[in-house]
Amino acid sequence: MKEIWITSDKCNLKLKEWIDVAFKAETDAIIELEKIIKKAIESEIKLQYELRIKYMDFFLDEKILYFKDPPPPVYPAREEMRDNRFTIE
């Protein structure tokens, strides 16, 4: 029993250390994310790529765009506006 208790105590200490390391890594990833968002807000720029946190890693996902750069052009109306019919701008 004593050997099992000692072994389980060592296992619990290793698990506690792993949880502490994982928590610190996740917190660091969130802090990095905050820095990028804060910089974008202060410099008033748009974040074009998706920001992701996966487990303990933070990365920019360049496959997913929040908006197209540059935006598509707005074309002039094809027909003139009249009061007697419905037209789309």
PDB file of N, CA and C in Angstrom:
ATOM      1  N   MET A   1       0.826  -1.205   0.000  1.00  0.00           N
ATOM      2  CA  MET A   1       0.000   0.000   0.000  1.00  0.00           C
ATOM      3  C   MET A   1       0.863   1.259   0.000  1.00  0.00           C
ATOM      4  N   LYS A   2       1.948   1.180   0.787  1.00  0.00           N
ATOM      5  CA  LYS A   2       2.814   2.347   0.893  1.00  0.00           C
ATOM      6  C   LYS A   2       3.444   2.678  -0.470  1.00  0.00           C
ATOM      7  N   GLU A   3       3.856   1.656  -1.215  1.00  0.00           N
ATOM      8  CA  GLU A   3       4.458   1.877  -2.530  1.00  0.00           C
ATOM      9  C   GLU A   3       3.444   2.476  -3.508  1.00  0.00           C
ATOM     10  N   ILE A   4       2.232   1.977  -3.462  1.00  0.00           N
ATOM     11  CA  ILE A   4       1.179   2.497  -4.344  1.00  0.00           C
ATOM     12  C   ILE A   4       0.888   3.948  -3.999  1.00  0.00           C
ATOM     13  N   TRP A   5       0.851   4.260  -2.718  1.00  0.00           N
ATOM     14  CA  TRP A   5       0.586   5.641  -2.295  1.00  0.00           C
ATOM     15  C   TRP A   5       1.706   6.574  -2.763  1.00  0.00           C
ATOM     16  N   ILE A   6       2.960   6.140  -2.656  1.00  0.00           N
ATOM     17  CA  ILE A   6       4.102   6.951  -3.092  1.00  0.00           C
ATOM     18  C   ILE A   6       4.052   7.158  -4.611  1.00  0.00           C
ATOM     19  N   THR A   7       3.755   6.080  -5.341  1.00  0.00           N
ATOM     20  CA  THR A   7       3.671   6.188  -6.792  1.00  0.00           C
ATOM     21  C   THR A   7       2.535   7.108  -7.220  1.00  0.00           C
ATOM     22  N   SER A   8       1.392   6.989  -6.582  1.00  0.00           N
ATOM     23  CA  SER A   8       0.257   7.859  -6.934  1.00  0.00           C
ATOM     24  C   SER A   8       0.550   9.309  -6.571  1.00  0.00           C
ATOM     25  N   ASP A   9       1.292   9.521  -5.485  1.00  0.00           N
ATOM     26  CA  ASP A   9       1.656  10.884  -5.097  1.00  0.00           C
ATOM     27  C   ASP A   9       2.585  11.507  -6.143  1.00  0.00           C
ATOM     28  N   LYS A  10       3.545  10.721  -6.658  1.00  0.00           N
ATOM     29  CA  LYS A  10       4.425  11.210  -7.727  1.00  0.00           C
ATOM     30  C   LYS A  10       3.627  11.529  -8.988  1.00  0.00           C
ATOM     31  N   CYS A  11       2.675  10.658  -9.304  1.00  0.00           N
ATOM     32  CA  CYS A  11       1.827  10.886 -10.481  1.00  0.00           C
ATOM     33  C   CYS A  11       1.012  12.167 -10.323  1.00  0.00           C
ATOM     34  N   ASN A  12       0.457  12.387  -9.146  1.00  0.00           N
ATOM     35  CA  ASN A  12      -0.319  13.606  -8.895  1.00  0.00           C
ATOM     36  C   ASN A  12       0.549  14.854  -9.009  1.00  0.00           C
ATOM     37  N   LEU A  13       1.787  14.783  -8.551  1.00  0.00           N
ATOM     38  CA  LEU A  13       2.686  15.937  -8.664  1.00  0.00           C
ATOM     39  C   LEU A  13       3.000  16.237 -10.135  1.00  0.00           C
ATOM     40  N   LYS A  14       3.223  15.172 -10.936  1.00  0.00           N
ATOM     41  CA  LYS A  14       3.475  15.373 -12.361  1.00  0.00           C
ATOM     42  C   LYS A  14       2.255  15.975 -13.052  1.00  0.00           C
ATOM     43  N   LEU A  15       1.068  15.508 -12.708  1.00  0.00           N
ATOM     44  CA  LEU A  15      -0.155  16.056 -13.293  1.00  0.00           C
ATOM     45  C   LEU A  15      -0.330  17.520 -12.922  1.00  0.00           C
ATOM     46  N   LYS A  16      -0.054  17.868 -11.665  1.00  0.00           N
ATOM     47  CA  LYS A  16      -0.170  19.256 -11.227  1.00  0.00           C
ATOM     48  C   LYS A  16       0.812  20.146 -11.990  1.00  0.00           C
ATOM     49  N   GLU A  17       2.047  19.663 -12.185  1.00  0.00           N
ATOM     50  CA  GLU A  17       3.027  20.429 -12.951  1.00  0.00           C
ATOM     51  C   GLU A  17       2.555  20.616 -14.394  1.00  0.00           C
ATOM     52  N   TRP A  18       1.998  19.570 -14.995  1.00  0.00           N
ATOM     53  CA  TRP A  18       1.518  19.656 -16.373  1.00  0.00           C
ATOM     54  C   TRP A  18       0.367  20.653 -16.487  1.00  0.00           C
ATOM     55  N   ILE A  19      -0.536  20.628 -15.529  1.00  0.00           N
ATOM     56  CA  ILE A  19      -1.660  21.572 -15.541  1.00  0.00           C
ATOM     57  C   ILE A  19      -1.141  23.000 -15.415  1.00  0.00           C
ATOM     58  N   ASP A  20      -0.156  23.219 -14.553  1.00  0.00           N
ATOM     59  CA  ASP A  20       0.418  24.564 -14.393  1.00  0.00           C
ATOM     60  C   ASP A  20       1.080  25.043 -15.683  1.00  0.00           C
ATOM     61  N   VAL A  21       1.823  24.155 -16.353  1.00  0.00           N
ATOM     62  CA  VAL A  21       2.491  24.518 -17.606  1.00  0.00           C
ATOM     63  C   VAL A  21       1.449  24.819 -18.688  1.00  0.00           C
ATOM     64  N   ALA A  22       0.412  23.992 -18.774  1.00  0.00           N
ATOM     65  CA  ALA A  22      -0.638  24.200 -19.781  1.00  0.00           C
ATOM     66  C   ALA A  22      -1.376  25.521 -19.514  1.00  0.00           C
ATOM     67  N   PHE A  23      -1.671  25.812 -18.267  1.00  0.00           N
ATOM     68  CA  PHE A  23      -2.362  27.059 -17.917  1.00  0.00           C
ATOM     69  C   PHE A  23      -1.516  28.267 -18.298  1.00  0.00           C
ATOM     70  N   LYS A  24      -0.209  28.202 -18.001  1.00  0.00           N
ATOM     71  CA  LYS A  24       0.679  29.318 -18.349  1.00  0.00           C
ATOM     72  C   LYS A  24       0.764  29.496 -19.869  1.00  0.00           C
ATOM     73  N   ALA A  25       0.861  28.402 -20.615  1.00  0.00           N
ATOM     74  CA  ALA A  25       0.946  28.491 -22.072  1.00  0.00           C
ATOM     75  C   ALA A  25      -0.337  29.072 -22.660  1.00  0.00           C
ATOM     76  N   GLU A  26      -1.486  28.659 -22.156  1.00  0.00           N
ATOM     77  CA  GLU A  26      -2.758  29.204 -22.642  1.00  0.00           C
ATOM     78  C   GLU A  26      -2.875  30.687 -22.299  1.00  0.00           C
ATOM     79  N   THR A  27      -2.456  31.059 -21.115  1.00  0.00           N
ATOM     80  CA  THR A  27      -2.500  32.466 -20.703  1.00  0.00           C
ATOM     81  C   THR A  27      -1.573  33.304 -21.587  1.00  0.00           C
ATOM     82  N   ASP A  28      -0.386  32.790 -21.897  1.00  0.00           N
ATOM     83  CA  ASP A  28       0.539  33.511 -22.778  1.00  0.00           C
ATOM     84  C   ASP A  28      -0.052  33.692 -24.174  1.00  0.00           C
ATOM     85  N   ALA A  29      -0.748  32.671 -24.678  1.00  0.00           N
ATOM     86  CA  ALA A  29      -1.378  32.774 -25.995  1.00  0.00           C
ATOM     87  C   ALA A  29      -2.463  33.851 -25.986  1.00  0.00           C
ATOM     88  N   ILE A  30      -3.238  33.913 -24.923  1.00  0.00           N
ATOM     89  CA  ILE A  30      -4.290  34.933 -24.815  1.00  0.00           C
ATOM     90  C   ILE A  30      -3.674  36.329 -24.717  1.00  0.00           C
ATOM     91  N   ILE A  31      -2.577  36.462 -24.004  1.00  0.00           N
ATOM     92  CA  ILE A  31      -1.901  37.763 -23.887  1.00  0.00           C
ATOM     93  C   ILE A  31      -1.372  38.216 -25.252  1.00  0.00           C
ATOM     94  N   GLU A  32      -0.811  37.284 -26.038  1.00  0.00           N
ATOM     95  CA  GLU A  32      -0.358  37.622 -27.386  1.00  0.00           C
ATOM     96  C   GLU A  32      -1.528  38.088 -28.255  1.00  0.00           C
ATOM     97  N   LEU A  33      -2.653  37.402 -28.143  1.00  0.00           N
ATOM     98  CA  LEU A  33      -3.855  37.792 -28.879  1.00  0.00           C
ATOM     99  C   LEU A  33      -4.302  39.195 -28.476  1.00  0.00           C
ATOM    100  N   GLU A  34      -4.283  39.478 -27.185  1.00  0.00           N
ATOM    101  CA  GLU A  34      -4.661  40.805 -26.691  1.00  0.00           C
ATOM    102  C   GLU A  34      -3.739  41.885 -27.252  1.00  0.00           C
ATOM    103  N   LYS A  35      -2.444  41.604 -27.345  1.00  0.00           N
ATOM    104  CA  LYS A  35      -1.487  42.593 -27.860  1.00  0.00           C
ATOM    105  C   LYS A  35      -1.798  42.953 -29.315  1.00  0.00           C
ATOM    106  N   ILE A  36      -2.094  41.936 -30.115  1.00  0.00           N
ATOM    107  CA  ILE A  36      -2.385  42.196 -31.531  1.00  0.00           C
ATOM    108  C   ILE A  36      -3.684  42.982 -31.678  1.00  0.00           C
ATOM    109  N   ILE A  37      -4.694  42.628 -30.914  1.00  0.00           N
ATOM    110  CA  ILE A  37      -5.972  43.345 -30.987  1.00  0.00           C
ATOM    111  C   ILE A  37      -5.803  44.783 -30.490  1.00  0.00           C
ATOM    112  N   LYS A  38      -5.070  44.966 -29.402  1.00  0.00           N
ATOM    113  CA  LYS A  38      -4.848  46.307 -28.861  1.00  0.00           C
ATOM    114  C   LYS A  38      -4.097  47.175 -29.867  1.00  0.00           C
ATOM    115  N   LYS A  39      -3.073  46.599 -30.520  1.00  0.00           N
ATOM    116  CA  LYS A  39      -2.309  47.350 -31.509  1.00  0.00           C
ATOM    117  C   LYS A  39      -3.197  47.754 -32.687  1.00  0.00           C
ATOM    118  N   ALA A  40      -4.079  46.837 -33.115  1.00  0.00           N
ATOM    119  CA  ALA A  40      -4.982  47.136 -34.227  1.00  0.00           C
ATOM    120  C   ALA A  40      -5.973  48.233 -33.844  1.00  0.00           C
ATOM    121  N   ILE A  41      -6.474  48.203 -32.627  1.00  0.00           N
ATOM    122  CA  ILE A  41      -7.422  49.227 -32.183  1.00  0.00           C
ATOM    123  C   ILE A  41      -6.744  50.587 -32.087  1.00  0.00           C
ATOM    124  N   GLU A  42      -5.558  50.620 -31.487  1.00  0.00           N
ATOM    125  CA  GLU A  42      -4.860  51.896 -31.311  1.00  0.00           C
ATOM    126  C   GLU A  42      -4.403  52.508 -32.640  1.00  0.00           C
ATOM    127  N   SER A  43      -4.004  51.677 -33.596  1.00  0.00           N
ATOM    128  CA  SER A  43      -3.579  52.214 -34.886  1.00  0.00           C
ATOM    129  C   SER A  43      -4.729  52.291 -35.889  1.00  0.00           C
ATOM    130  N   GLU A  44      -5.912  51.909 -35.456  1.00  0.00           N
ATOM    131  CA  GLU A  44      -7.141  51.984 -36.255  1.00  0.00           C
ATOM    132  C   GLU A  44      -7.006  51.256 -37.597  1.00  0.00           C
ATOM    133  N   ILE A  45      -6.499  50.030 -37.543  1.00  0.00           N
ATOM    134  CA  ILE A  45      -6.420  49.198 -38.743  1.00  0.00           C
ATOM    135  C   ILE A  45      -7.352  48.006 -38.578  1.00  0.00           C
ATOM    136  N   LYS A  46      -7.763  47.456 -39.713  1.00  0.00           N
ATOM    137  CA  LYS A  46      -8.641  46.298 -39.691  1.00  0.00           C
ATOM    138  C   LYS A  46      -7.814  45.025 -39.588  1.00  0.00           C
ATOM    139  N   LEU A  47      -8.330  44.070 -38.854  1.00  0.00           N
ATOM    140  CA  LEU A  47      -7.706  42.753 -38.793  1.00  0.00           C
ATOM    141  C   LEU A  47      -8.312  41.916 -39.909  1.00  0.00           C
ATOM    142  N   GLN A  48      -7.529  41.679 -40.947  1.00  0.00           N
ATOM    143  CA  GLN A  48      -8.065  40.999 -42.116  1.00  0.00           C
ATOM    144  C   GLN A  48      -8.141  39.486 -41.917  1.00  0.00           C
ATOM    145  N   TYR A  49      -7.161  38.906 -41.266  1.00  0.00           N
ATOM    146  CA  TYR A  49      -7.134  37.456 -41.091  1.00  0.00           C
ATOM    147  C   TYR A  49      -7.741  37.047 -39.758  1.00  0.00           C
ATOM    148  N   GLU A  50      -8.240  35.823 -39.720  1.00  0.00           N
ATOM    149  CA  GLU A  50      -8.867  35.319 -38.500  1.00  0.00           C
ATOM    150  C   GLU A  50      -7.803  34.986 -37.460  1.00  0.00           C
ATOM    151  N   LEU A  51      -8.037  35.404 -36.230  1.00  0.00           N
ATOM    152  CA  LEU A  51      -7.144  35.102 -35.119  1.00  0.00           C
ATOM    153  C   LEU A  51      -7.688  33.864 -34.401  1.00  0.00           C
ATOM    154  N   ARG A  52      -6.817  32.889 -34.165  1.00  0.00           N
ATOM    155  CA  ARG A  52      -7.274  31.642 -33.553  1.00  0.00           C
ATOM    156  C   ARG A  52      -6.388  31.262 -32.378  1.00  0.00           C
ATOM    157  N   ILE A  53      -7.027  30.694 -31.378  1.00  0.00           N
ATOM    158  CA  ILE A  53      -6.310  30.058 -30.280  1.00  0.00           C
ATOM    159  C   ILE A  53      -6.732  28.600 -30.301  1.00  0.00           C
ATOM    160  N   LYS A  54      -5.763  27.723 -30.510  1.00  0.00           N
ATOM    161  CA  LYS A  54      -6.044  26.292 -30.525  1.00  0.00           C
ATOM    162  C   LYS A  54      -5.208  25.659 -29.426  1.00  0.00           C
ATOM    163  N   TYR A  55      -5.880  25.184 -28.406  1.00  0.00           N
ATOM    164  CA  TYR A  55      -5.235  24.619 -27.221  1.00  0.00           C
ATOM    165  C   TYR A  55      -4.307  25.655 -26.603  1.00  0.00           C
ATOM    166  N   MET A  56      -2.989  25.480 -26.785  1.00  0.00           N
ATOM    167  CA  MET A  56      -2.049  26.405 -26.154  1.00  0.00           C
ATOM    168  C   MET A  56      -1.349  27.292 -27.166  1.00  0.00           C
ATOM    169  N   ASP A  57      -1.788  27.255 -28.423  1.00  0.00           N
ATOM    170  CA  ASP A  57      -1.115  28.009 -29.477  1.00  0.00           C
ATOM    171  C   ASP A  57      -2.020  29.093 -30.035  1.00  0.00           C
ATOM    172  N   PHE A  58      -1.421  30.234 -30.342  1.00  0.00           N
ATOM    173  CA  PHE A  58      -2.119  31.344 -30.974  1.00  0.00           C
ATOM    174  C   PHE A  58      -1.543  31.513 -32.363  1.00  0.00           C
ATOM    175  N   PHE A  59      -2.410  31.672 -33.375  1.00  0.00           N
ATOM    176  CA  PHE A  59      -1.912  31.868 -34.724  1.00  0.00           C
ATOM    177  C   PHE A  59      -2.925  32.629 -35.561  1.00  0.00           C
ATOM    178  N   LEU A  60      -2.426  33.210 -36.664  1.00  0.00           N
ATOM    179  CA  LEU A  60      -3.271  33.887 -37.646  1.00  0.00           C
ATOM    180  C   LEU A  60      -3.647  32.859 -38.707  1.00  0.00           C
ATOM    181  N   ASP A  61      -4.936  32.714 -38.959  1.00  0.00           N
ATOM    182  CA  ASP A  61      -5.393  31.792 -39.990  1.00  0.00           C
ATOM    183  C   ASP A  61      -5.586  32.588 -41.271  1.00  0.00           C
ATOM    184  N   GLU A  62      -4.633  32.487 -42.188  1.00  0.00           N
ATOM    185  CA  GLU A  62      -4.668  33.285 -43.407  1.00  0.00           C
ATOM    186  C   GLU A  62      -5.601  32.705 -44.458  1.00  0.00           C
ATOM    187  N   LYS A  63      -6.204  31.555 -44.189  1.00  0.00           N
ATOM    188  CA  LYS A  63      -7.153  30.956 -45.122  1.00  0.00           C
ATOM    189  C   LYS A  63      -8.521  31.638 -45.030  1.00  0.00           C
ATOM    190  N   ILE A  64      -8.813  32.214 -43.867  1.00  0.00           N
ATOM    191  CA  ILE A  64     -10.125  32.820 -43.639  1.00  0.00           C
ATOM    192  C   ILE A  64      -9.956  34.336 -43.539  1.00  0.00           C
ATOM    193  N   LEU A  65     -10.623  35.057 -44.428  1.00  0.00           N
ATOM    194  CA  LEU A  65     -10.571  36.518 -44.432  1.00  0.00           C
ATOM    195  C   LEU A  65     -11.861  37.070 -43.837  1.00  0.00           C
ATOM    196  N   TYR A  66     -11.736  38.110 -43.040  1.00  0.00           N
ATOM    197  CA  TYR A  66     -12.915  38.777 -42.507  1.00  0.00           C
ATOM    198  C   TYR A  66     -13.557  39.678 -43.555  1.00  0.00           C
ATOM    199  N   PHE A  67     -12.759  40.224 -44.455  1.00  0.00           N
ATOM    200  CA  PHE A  67     -13.271  41.109 -45.501  1.00  0.00           C
ATOM    201  C   PHE A  67     -12.342  41.007 -46.690  1.00  0.00           C
ATOM    202  N   LYS A  68     -12.855  41.348 -47.857  1.00  0.00           N
ATOM    203  CA  LYS A  68     -12.038  41.336 -49.064  1.00  0.00           C
ATOM    204  C   LYS A  68     -11.270  42.642 -49.155  1.00  0.00           C
ATOM    205  N   ASP A  69     -10.059  42.556 -49.641  1.00  0.00           N
ATOM    206  CA  ASP A  69      -9.220  43.738 -49.752  1.00  0.00           C
ATOM    207  C   ASP A  69      -8.789  43.894 -51.193  1.00  0.00           C
ATOM    208  N   PRO A  70      -9.123  44.898 -51.901  1.00  0.00           N
ATOM    209  CA  PRO A  70     -10.059  45.985 -51.600  1.00  0.00           C
ATOM    210  C   PRO A  70     -11.504  45.519 -51.773  1.00  0.00           C
ATOM    211  N   PRO A  71     -12.451  46.294 -51.219  1.00  0.00           N
ATOM    212  CA  PRO A  71     -13.857  45.901 -51.361  1.00  0.00           C
ATOM    213  C   PRO A  71     -14.304  45.955 -52.820  1.00  0.00           C
ATOM    214  N   PRO A  72     -15.303  45.171 -53.184  1.00  0.00           N
ATOM    215  CA  PRO A  72     -15.760  45.180 -54.578  1.00  0.00           C
ATOM    216  C   PRO A  72     -16.334  46.540 -54.963  1.00  0.00           C
ATOM    217  N   PRO A  73     -16.202  46.938 -56.239  1.00  0.00           N
ATOM    218  CA  PRO A  73     -16.688  48.254 -56.659  1.00  0.00           C
ATOM    219  C   PRO A  73     -18.214  48.318 -56.658  1.00  0.00           C
ATOM    220  N   VAL A  74     -18.733  49.504 -56.426  1.00  0.00           N
ATOM    221  CA  VAL A  74     -20.175  49.741 -56.469  1.00  0.00           C
ATOM    222  C   VAL A  74     -20.492  50.280 -57.862  1.00  0.00           C
ATOM    223  N   TYR A  75     -21.301  49.542 -58.584  1.00  0.00           N
ATOM    224  CA  TYR A  75     -21.632  49.927 -59.955  1.00  0.00           C
ATOM    225  C   TYR A  75     -22.812  50.895 -59.967  1.00  0.00           C
ATOM    226  N   PRO A  76     -22.885  51.794 -60.979  1.00  0.00           N
ATOM    227  CA  PRO A  76     -24.028  52.711 -61.066  1.00  0.00           C
ATOM    228  C   PRO A  76     -25.301  51.934 -61.411  1.00  0.00           C
ATOM    229  N   ALA A  77     -26.441  52.540 -61.106  1.00  0.00           N
ATOM    230  CA  ALA A  77     -27.728  51.904 -61.390  1.00  0.00           C
ATOM    231  C   ALA A  77     -27.901  51.694 -62.879  1.00  0.00           C
ATOM    232  N   ARG A  78     -28.530  50.594 -63.260  1.00  0.00           N
ATOM    233  CA  ARG A  78     -28.719  50.289 -64.678  1.00  0.00           C
ATOM    234  C   ARG A  78     -29.977  50.928 -65.255  1.00  0.00           C
ATOM    235  N   GLU A  79     -30.907  51.262 -64.408  1.00  0.00           N
ATOM    236  CA  GLU A  79     -32.127  51.895 -64.909  1.00  0.00           C
ATOM    237  C   GLU A  79     -32.427  53.134 -64.080  1.00  0.00           C
ATOM    238  N   GLU A  80     -33.133  54.025 -64.668  1.00  0.00           N
ATOM    239  CA  GLU A  80     -33.426  55.279 -63.973  1.00  0.00           C
ATOM    240  C   GLU A  80     -34.573  55.087 -62.980  1.00  0.00           C
ATOM    241  N   MET A  81     -34.568  55.891 -61.950  1.00  0.00           N
ATOM    242  CA  MET A  81     -35.585  55.799 -60.894  1.00  0.00           C
ATOM    243  C   MET A  81     -36.872  56.474 -61.376  1.00  0.00           C
ATOM    244  N   ARG A  82     -37.999  55.794 -61.148  1.00  0.00           N
ATOM    245  CA  ARG A  82     -39.308  56.359 -61.480  1.00  0.00           C
ATOM    246  C   ARG A  82     -40.251  56.109 -60.325  1.00  0.00           C
ATOM    247  N   ASP A  83     -41.232  57.011 -60.182  1.00  0.00           N
ATOM    248  CA  ASP A  83     -42.183  56.885 -59.086  1.00  0.00           C
ATOM    249  C   ASP A  83     -43.220  55.784 -59.323  1.00  0.00           C
ATOM    250  N   ASN A  84     -43.515  55.448 -60.557  1.00  0.00           N
ATOM    251  CA  ASN A  84     -44.587  54.504 -60.850  1.00  0.00           C
ATOM    252  C   ASN A  84     -44.132  53.050 -60.838  1.00  0.00           C
ATOM    253  N   ARG A  85     -42.852  52.763 -60.559  1.00  0.00           N
ATOM    254  CA  ARG A  85     -42.401  51.372 -60.500  1.00  0.00           C
ATOM    255  C   ARG A  85     -41.325  51.225 -59.433  1.00  0.00           C
ATOM    256  N   PHE A  86     -41.178  49.997 -59.000  1.00  0.00           N
ATOM    257  CA  PHE A  86     -40.197  49.672 -57.973  1.00  0.00           C
ATOM    258  C   PHE A  86     -38.831  49.436 -58.638  1.00  0.00           C
ATOM    259  N   THR A  87     -37.820  50.137 -58.181  1.00  0.00           N
ATOM    260  CA  THR A  87     -36.483  49.950 -58.738  1.00  0.00           C
ATOM    261  C   THR A  87     -35.507  49.676 -57.569  1.00  0.00           C
ATOM    262  N   ILE A  88     -34.470  48.959 -57.873  1.00  0.00           N
ATOM    263  CA  ILE A  88     -33.447  48.632 -56.880  1.00  0.00           C
ATOM    264  C   ILE A  88     -32.266  49.562 -57.095  1.00  0.00           C
ATOM    265  N   GLU A  89     -31.799  50.135 -56.029  1.00  0.00           N
ATOM    266  CA  GLU A  89     -30.658  51.042 -56.148  1.00  0.00           C
ATOM    267  C   GLU A  89     -29.385  50.259 -56.417  1.00  0.00           C
TER     268      GLU A  89
END
